């Protein structure tokens, strides 16, 4: 606890006040409502907060180009794996079910698509960015390959995220043209057509059932709007509230035993649960990280989380030599979290923490 407290205080004083406050809130909340999951959360929080602080302090010594190149190379190799898997050629990674086919290095298509979407902005570079050395890699030539990879991944969330960040980048490039409004409208229409074409000809997605899950899960938010059910509690409350009548007795019992406010949940379930919801399967994640965090920590926790994102956005805007491509990658991760549990996966949280640390570190260096 003392290490956690110390790291948060240092972050508050040196790096970013909102991150320090957010970390302290999570610590106090986890201790007050202590459940088995709280311990794991605290350990992970110590790691990521410490990692963030280290990045902010030493970001000047980071070779950002090398980081981008590594992620771009990883994305291209992942697409190669996707192509091989399309022809049922498997190397190292063998599918154990239908859902693990055509996923590259990851466990499912959602994860693959999110990775490709966050890596896509890093390909928006080449000689026009001011690189004049003859050995410079023209990564922008890999953009069509990335588009092919997103098509092979067959994930609407990835296609939507990639379209938005691409549109934002193009708008940024053409921001100083005379007919700015016309350019923005054209970019918006092209992005919508890209997503619509993907959903029409490649993959429609499962958005009807996702929307039903989002709306039904809001009952849990309305029941405890201010501070939520407790960190990690959505993993137990959501699946049995959505369709507890369709789960096995063992699963329902396991979920109920891990709920902190058991009596309150039973009352809510009795009063509002519908047995004909049409929601099948087991949903330990809402597939919307912001709603899941809202269920866990209420409006207070969600407000503090958004303040963290807002403070980094302001730092990004105020930094004179800001790295637009890193900012777009962060944007891609945050957008994808609207339809996936991106912020619950270590690989994506690691990249997000790294990039946000670099953004904040550049601002802190400029300020000092």
Protein backbone atom coordinates (compact mmCIF):
# COMPACT_ATOMS: atom_id res chain seq x y z
CA UNK A 1 0.00 0.00 0.00
CA UNK A 2 2.79 2.40 0.89
CA UNK A 3 4.45 1.84 -2.52
CA UNK A 4 1.15 2.51 -4.29
CA UNK A 5 0.59 5.67 -2.22
CA UNK A 6 4.13 6.90 -2.86
CA UNK A 7 3.90 6.36 -6.63
CA UNK A 8 0.56 8.21 -6.82
CA UNK A 9 1.96 11.14 -4.82
CA UNK A 10 5.02 11.41 -7.06
CA UNK A 11 2.82 11.28 -10.17
CA UNK A 12 0.59 14.00 -8.69
CA UNK A 13 3.53 16.28 -7.92
CA UNK A 14 5.69 15.69 -10.99
CA UNK A 15 3.80 14.10 -13.88
CA UNK A 16 0.03 14.52 -13.96
CA UNK A 17 -2.32 15.49 -11.15
CA UNK A 18 -5.38 13.76 -12.57
CA UNK A 19 -3.51 10.45 -12.86
CA UNK A 20 -2.36 10.81 -9.24
CA UNK A 21 -5.91 11.53 -8.05
CA UNK A 22 -7.32 8.69 -10.16
CA UNK A 23 -4.77 6.27 -8.72
CA UNK A 24 -5.48 7.33 -5.14
CA UNK A 25 -9.23 7.01 -5.71
CA UNK A 26 -8.78 3.47 -7.04
CA UNK A 27 -6.59 2.58 -4.04
CA UNK A 28 -8.99 3.92 -1.41
CA UNK A 29 -12.00 2.40 -3.17
CA UNK A 30 -10.31 -1.01 -3.46
CA UNK A 31 -9.36 -1.02 0.22
CA UNK A 32 -12.74 0.14 1.50
CA UNK A 33 -14.64 -2.41 -0.60
CA UNK A 34 -12.02 -5.13 -0.34
CA UNK A 35 -12.82 -8.29 -2.29
CA UNK A 36 -10.44 -10.95 -3.68
CA UNK A 37 -10.23 -9.10 -7.02
CA UNK A 38 -9.09 -5.93 -5.26
CA UNK A 39 -5.68 -7.40 -4.47
CA UNK A 40 -4.97 -8.26 -8.10
CA UNK A 41 -6.19 -4.84 -9.18
CA UNK A 42 -3.87 -3.08 -6.73
CA UNK A 43 -0.85 -5.08 -7.94
CA UNK A 44 -1.61 -4.28 -11.59
CA UNK A 45 -2.24 -0.63 -10.74
CA UNK A 46 1.15 -0.36 -9.02
CA UNK A 47 2.84 -1.78 -12.12
CA UNK A 48 1.13 0.48 -14.64
CA UNK A 49 1.36 3.63 -12.52
CA UNK A 50 5.07 3.00 -11.93
CA UNK A 51 5.58 2.28 -15.63
CA UNK A 52 3.76 5.50 -16.53
CA UNK A 53 5.91 7.53 -14.15
CA UNK A 54 9.12 6.01 -15.52
CA UNK A 55 8.08 6.79 -19.11
CA UNK A 56 7.25 10.41 -18.23
CA UNK A 57 10.66 10.83 -16.57
CA UNK A 58 12.84 9.17 -19.23
CA UNK A 59 10.84 9.82 -22.42
CA UNK A 60 13.67 12.02 -23.77
CA UNK A 61 15.83 8.91 -24.04
CA UNK A 62 13.16 7.00 -25.96
CA UNK A 63 13.60 6.31 -29.64
CA UNK A 64 10.01 6.85 -30.73
CA UNK A 65 10.82 5.93 -34.32
CA UNK A 66 12.08 2.53 -33.21
CA UNK A 67 8.89 1.95 -31.17
CA UNK A 68 6.76 2.82 -34.20
CA UNK A 69 8.84 0.60 -36.47
CA UNK A 70 8.51 -2.37 -34.11
CA UNK A 71 4.72 -2.01 -33.93
CA UNK A 72 4.46 -1.59 -37.70
CA UNK A 73 6.61 -4.66 -38.33
CA UNK A 74 4.55 -6.65 -35.80
CA UNK A 75 1.35 -5.59 -37.58
CA UNK A 76 2.67 -6.67 -40.99
CA UNK A 77 3.85 -10.03 -39.65
CA UNK A 78 0.47 -10.50 -38.00
CA UNK A 79 -1.22 -9.88 -41.35
CA UNK A 80 1.07 -12.47 -42.94
CA UNK A 81 -0.15 -14.93 -40.29
CA UNK A 82 -3.73 -13.95 -41.15
CA UNK A 83 -3.17 -14.67 -44.85
CA UNK A 84 -1.62 -18.06 -44.07
CA UNK A 85 -4.49 -18.91 -41.75
CA UNK A 86 -7.00 -18.02 -44.47
CA UNK A 87 -5.45 -20.87 -46.46
CA UNK A 88 -5.48 -23.08 -43.33
CA UNK A 89 -1.72 -22.91 -42.94
CA UNK A 90 -0.90 -22.68 -39.25
CA UNK A 91 2.53 -21.94 -37.77
CA UNK A 92 2.98 -22.06 -33.98
CA UNK A 93 -0.63 -21.02 -33.37
CA UNK A 94 -3.27 -23.67 -33.97
CA UNK A 95 -7.02 -23.01 -33.55
CA UNK A 96 -8.87 -24.94 -30.87
CA UNK A 97 -12.32 -23.72 -32.00
CA UNK A 98 -14.05 -22.00 -34.90
CA UNK A 99 -13.67 -18.58 -33.21
CA UNK A 100 -9.88 -18.91 -33.17
CA UNK A 101 -9.52 -19.23 -36.93
CA UNK A 102 -8.03 -16.31 -38.82
CA UNK A 103 -6.91 -14.41 -35.73
CA UNK A 104 -3.17 -14.03 -36.33
CA UNK A 105 -1.25 -13.91 -33.06
CA UNK A 106 -4.28 -13.15 -30.93
CA UNK A 107 -7.09 -15.14 -29.34
CA UNK A 108 -9.94 -13.71 -31.42
CA UNK A 109 -10.70 -11.37 -34.31
CA UNK A 110 -11.57 -8.44 -32.06
CA UNK A 111 -8.10 -8.38 -30.53
CA UNK A 112 -6.45 -8.67 -33.95
CA UNK A 113 -8.56 -5.85 -35.40
CA UNK A 114 -7.88 -3.54 -32.45
CA UNK A 115 -4.13 -4.09 -32.77
CA UNK A 116 -4.22 -3.37 -36.51
CA UNK A 117 -6.37 -0.27 -35.94
CA UNK A 118 -3.98 1.20 -33.35
CA UNK A 119 -0.98 0.39 -35.56
CA UNK A 120 -2.54 1.88 -38.71
CA UNK A 121 -1.74 5.56 -37.84
CA UNK A 122 1.91 4.63 -37.40
CA UNK A 123 2.01 3.88 -41.14
CA UNK A 124 1.05 7.46 -41.99
CA UNK A 125 4.66 8.52 -42.38
CA UNK A 126 7.35 8.68 -44.99
CA UNK A 127 9.38 11.24 -46.87
CA UNK A 128 6.61 13.86 -46.73
CA UNK A 129 7.02 13.93 -42.96
CA UNK A 130 10.46 15.46 -43.43
CA UNK A 131 12.52 12.25 -43.57
CA UNK A 132 15.11 12.78 -46.30
CA UNK A 133 17.61 10.06 -45.49
CA UNK A 134 17.90 7.40 -48.23
CA UNK A 135 17.46 4.50 -45.75
CA UNK A 136 14.12 5.78 -44.48
CA UNK A 137 11.36 3.16 -44.68
CA UNK A 138 8.30 4.40 -46.54
CA UNK A 139 5.80 2.95 -44.15
CA UNK A 140 2.86 4.62 -45.91
CA UNK A 141 3.22 1.98 -48.63
CA UNK A 142 2.00 -0.52 -46.05
CA UNK A 143 -1.39 1.20 -45.63
CA UNK A 144 -3.11 -0.96 -48.33
CA UNK A 145 -1.72 -4.05 -46.61
CA UNK A 146 -3.18 -2.86 -43.30
CA UNK A 147 -6.56 -2.34 -44.96
CA UNK A 148 -6.37 -5.89 -46.30
CA UNK A 149 -5.53 -7.13 -42.79
CA UNK A 150 -8.56 -5.34 -41.31
CA UNK A 151 -10.74 -6.96 -43.97
CA UNK A 152 -9.32 -10.39 -43.17
CA UNK A 153 -9.91 -9.81 -39.45
CA UNK A 154 -13.63 -9.29 -40.21
CA UNK A 155 -14.33 -7.12 -37.19
CA UNK A 156 -16.65 -4.10 -37.44
CA UNK A 157 -15.11 -2.47 -34.37
CA UNK A 158 -11.66 -2.52 -35.96
CA UNK A 159 -12.97 -1.14 -39.25
CA UNK A 160 -14.89 1.64 -37.50
CA UNK A 161 -11.90 2.60 -35.34
CA UNK A 162 -9.53 2.60 -38.33
CA UNK A 163 -11.94 4.75 -40.37
CA UNK A 164 -12.30 7.32 -37.60
CA UNK A 165 -8.57 7.73 -36.91
CA UNK A 166 -7.83 7.85 -40.66
CA UNK A 167 -10.48 10.53 -41.09
CA UNK A 168 -9.05 12.53 -38.18
CA UNK A 169 -5.56 12.32 -39.70
CA UNK A 170 -6.73 13.45 -43.14
CA UNK A 171 -8.69 16.30 -41.54
CA UNK A 172 -5.54 17.31 -39.65
CA UNK A 173 -3.51 17.33 -42.87
CA UNK A 174 -6.08 19.48 -44.69
CA UNK A 175 -7.02 21.70 -41.75
CA UNK A 176 -5.49 24.81 -43.32
CA UNK A 177 -7.23 24.58 -46.70
CA UNK A 178 -9.66 27.33 -47.71
CA UNK A 179 -12.82 25.23 -47.78
CA UNK A 180 -12.17 23.55 -44.45
CA UNK A 181 -15.81 22.75 -43.75
CA UNK A 182 -16.28 21.11 -47.14
CA UNK A 183 -13.14 19.05 -46.65
CA UNK A 184 -14.31 17.83 -43.22
CA UNK A 185 -17.75 16.90 -44.60
CA UNK A 186 -16.16 14.97 -47.48
CA UNK A 187 -13.85 13.14 -45.06
CA UNK A 188 -16.82 12.29 -42.82
CA UNK A 189 -18.82 10.94 -45.75
CA UNK A 190 -15.87 8.84 -46.93
CA UNK A 191 -15.41 7.39 -43.44
CA UNK A 192 -19.10 6.50 -43.21
CA UNK A 193 -19.01 4.91 -46.67
CA UNK A 194 -15.95 2.88 -45.67
CA UNK A 195 -17.65 1.52 -42.56
CA UNK A 196 -20.93 0.97 -44.40
CA UNK A 197 -19.18 -0.88 -47.20
CA UNK A 198 -17.34 -3.05 -44.69
CA UNK A 199 -20.58 -3.95 -42.90
CA UNK A 200 -22.34 -4.63 -46.21
CA UNK A 201 -19.73 -6.71 -48.01
CA UNK A 202 -17.34 -8.02 -45.34
CA UNK A 203 -18.90 -8.39 -41.89
CA UNK A 204 -22.12 -6.99 -40.47
CA UNK A 205 -21.09 -7.43 -36.84
CA UNK A 206 -23.10 -8.33 -33.77
CA UNK A 207 -24.22 -4.81 -32.88
CA UNK A 208 -27.94 -5.67 -32.26
CA UNK A 209 -27.11 -8.05 -29.38
CA UNK A 210 -24.36 -5.70 -28.16
CA UNK A 211 -26.82 -2.80 -27.97
CA UNK A 212 -29.25 -4.98 -26.05
CA UNK A 213 -26.48 -5.87 -23.58
CA UNK A 214 -25.52 -2.21 -23.18
CA UNK A 215 -29.09 -1.09 -22.52
CA UNK A 216 -29.93 -3.96 -20.15
CA UNK A 217 -26.72 -3.47 -18.17
CA UNK A 218 -27.68 0.15 -17.49
CA UNK A 219 -30.08 -1.15 -14.84
CA UNK A 220 -26.99 -1.96 -12.76
CA UNK A 221 -25.81 1.64 -13.22
CA UNK A 222 -29.17 3.10 -12.19
CA UNK A 223 -29.16 0.92 -9.07
CA UNK A 224 -25.83 2.33 -7.82
CA UNK A 225 -25.07 5.44 -9.90
CA UNK A 226 -22.60 7.29 -7.67
CA UNK A 227 -19.94 4.75 -6.65
CA UNK A 228 -21.02 1.60 -8.47
CA UNK A 229 -20.86 -2.01 -7.30
CA UNK A 230 -17.11 -2.18 -6.67
CA UNK A 231 -14.00 -2.61 -8.80
CA UNK A 232 -14.24 -5.81 -10.83
CA UNK A 233 -17.85 -6.46 -9.81
CA UNK A 234 -19.24 -6.14 -13.34
CA UNK A 235 -17.59 -9.48 -14.10
CA UNK A 236 -20.05 -11.11 -11.68
CA UNK A 237 -23.12 -8.88 -11.76
CA UNK A 238 -23.48 -8.49 -15.53
CA UNK A 239 -23.58 -12.16 -16.65
CA UNK A 240 -26.24 -13.32 -14.21
CA UNK A 241 -28.28 -10.12 -14.52
CA UNK A 242 -28.40 -10.44 -18.30
CA UNK A 243 -29.42 -14.09 -18.42
CA UNK A 244 -28.84 -15.80 -15.09
CA UNK A 245 -31.76 -18.10 -15.85
CA UNK A 246 -29.77 -19.54 -18.78
CA UNK A 247 -26.58 -20.18 -16.82
CA UNK A 248 -25.76 -23.36 -14.95
CA UNK A 249 -26.37 -23.43 -11.22
CA UNK A 250 -22.62 -23.63 -10.61
CA UNK A 251 -21.92 -20.49 -12.67
CA UNK A 252 -24.78 -18.53 -11.10
CA UNK A 253 -23.69 -19.55 -7.61
CA UNK A 254 -20.06 -18.60 -8.32
CA UNK A 255 -21.09 -15.16 -9.62
CA UNK A 256 -23.49 -14.47 -6.75
CA UNK A 257 -20.96 -15.47 -4.10
CA UNK A 258 -18.48 -12.92 -5.47
CA UNK A 259 -20.93 -10.00 -5.50
CA UNK A 260 -20.24 -7.49 -2.71
CA UNK A 261 -23.81 -6.18 -2.46
CA UNK A 262 -25.60 -9.52 -2.67
CA UNK A 263 -28.88 -8.46 -1.11
CA UNK A 264 -29.13 -5.34 -3.25
CA UNK A 265 -28.45 -7.40 -6.35
CA UNK A 266 -31.12 -9.95 -5.45
CA UNK A 267 -33.68 -7.17 -5.05
CA UNK A 268 -32.71 -5.64 -8.40
CA UNK A 269 -32.79 -9.01 -10.14
CA UNK A 270 -36.23 -9.81 -8.71
CA UNK A 271 -37.65 -6.42 -9.61
CA UNK A 272 -36.26 -5.82 -13.11
CA UNK A 273 -34.79 -8.97 -14.63
CA UNK A 274 -36.58 -10.12 -17.79
CA UNK A 275 -36.55 -13.81 -18.63
CA UNK A 276 -37.18 -13.25 -22.33
CA UNK A 277 -34.29 -10.88 -23.05
CA UNK A 278 -33.04 -12.99 -25.95
CA UNK A 279 -29.44 -12.60 -24.75
CA UNK A 280 -27.55 -15.87 -25.03
CA UNK A 281 -24.10 -16.89 -23.88
CA UNK A 282 -21.97 -15.83 -20.93
CA UNK A 283 -21.09 -12.11 -20.70
CA UNK A 284 -18.40 -11.47 -18.08
CA UNK A 285 -17.61 -8.28 -20.03
CA UNK A 286 -20.11 -5.71 -21.24
CA UNK A 287 -17.91 -5.21 -24.32
CA UNK A 288 -17.85 -1.51 -23.50
CA UNK A 289 -15.07 -0.62 -21.09
CA UNK A 290 -16.59 2.72 -20.16
CA UNK A 291 -19.95 1.23 -19.20
CA UNK A 292 -18.18 -1.58 -17.36
CA UNK A 293 -16.09 0.93 -15.38
CA UNK A 294 -19.30 2.89 -14.73
CA UNK A 295 -20.90 -0.25 -13.26
CA UNK A 296 -17.79 -0.85 -11.14
CA UNK A 297 -17.07 2.65 -9.86
CA UNK A 298 -20.11 4.75 -10.72
CA UNK A 299 -20.16 8.30 -12.03
CA UNK A 300 -17.29 9.31 -9.75
CA UNK A 301 -14.94 6.71 -11.20
CA UNK A 302 -15.98 7.40 -14.79
CA UNK A 303 -15.55 11.15 -14.29
CA UNK A 304 -12.01 10.67 -12.96
CA UNK A 305 -11.16 8.32 -15.85
CA UNK A 306 -12.35 10.86 -18.40
CA UNK A 307 -10.40 13.58 -16.58
CA UNK A 308 -7.25 11.49 -17.08
CA UNK A 309 -7.92 11.28 -20.81
CA UNK A 310 -8.83 14.99 -21.01
CA UNK A 311 -5.65 16.08 -19.21
CA UNK A 312 -3.51 14.12 -21.67
CA UNK A 313 -5.45 15.55 -24.61
CA UNK A 314 -4.78 19.07 -23.32
CA UNK A 315 -1.11 18.21 -22.77
CA UNK A 316 -0.99 16.87 -26.33
CA UNK A 317 -2.54 20.07 -27.73
CA UNK A 318 -0.21 22.33 -25.73
CA UNK A 319 2.95 20.48 -26.76
CA UNK A 320 4.62 22.32 -29.62
CA UNK A 321 6.42 19.29 -31.07
CA UNK A 322 3.60 16.84 -30.48
CA UNK A 323 3.65 13.46 -32.15
CA UNK A 324 0.35 13.30 -34.02
CA UNK A 325 0.70 9.63 -34.93
CA UNK A 326 1.12 8.51 -31.32
CA UNK A 327 -1.91 10.62 -30.44
CA UNK A 328 -3.94 8.87 -33.15
CA UNK A 329 -2.89 5.47 -31.82
CA UNK A 330 -4.10 6.46 -28.35
CA UNK A 331 -7.35 7.66 -29.92
CA UNK A 332 -7.74 4.30 -31.69
CA UNK A 333 -7.38 2.40 -28.41
CA UNK A 334 -9.92 4.63 -26.65
CA UNK A 335 -12.44 4.37 -29.51
CA UNK A 336 -12.15 0.59 -29.72
CA UNK A 337 -12.97 0.36 -25.99
CA UNK A 338 -16.53 1.43 -26.84
CA UNK A 339 -17.24 -2.00 -28.35
CA UNK A 340 -14.63 -4.25 -26.77
CA UNK A 341 -12.81 -4.82 -23.47
CA UNK A 342 -9.63 -3.21 -24.82
CA UNK A 343 -8.72 -1.55 -21.51
CA UNK A 344 -8.84 -4.90 -19.72
CA UNK A 345 -6.17 -6.50 -21.91
CA UNK A 346 -2.58 -6.20 -20.79
CA UNK A 347 -1.04 -5.75 -24.25
CA UNK A 348 -3.26 -2.79 -25.12
CA UNK A 349 -3.05 -1.20 -21.67
CA UNK A 350 0.75 -1.46 -21.91
CA UNK A 351 0.79 0.35 -25.27
CA UNK A 352 -1.71 2.94 -24.04
CA UNK A 353 0.33 3.61 -20.89
CA UNK A 354 3.52 3.86 -22.94
CA UNK A 355 2.09 6.35 -25.44
CA UNK A 356 0.28 8.45 -22.83
CA UNK A 357 3.49 8.54 -20.77
CA UNK A 358 5.42 9.79 -23.80
CA UNK A 359 2.78 12.44 -24.54
CA UNK A 360 2.77 13.66 -20.94
CA UNK A 361 6.57 13.46 -20.73
CA UNK A 362 6.97 15.72 -23.75
CA UNK A 363 4.61 18.25 -22.20
CA UNK A 364 6.38 18.13 -18.82
CA UNK A 365 9.77 18.63 -20.53
CA UNK A 366 8.47 21.61 -22.47
CA UNK A 367 6.89 23.10 -19.34
CA UNK A 368 10.06 22.80 -17.30
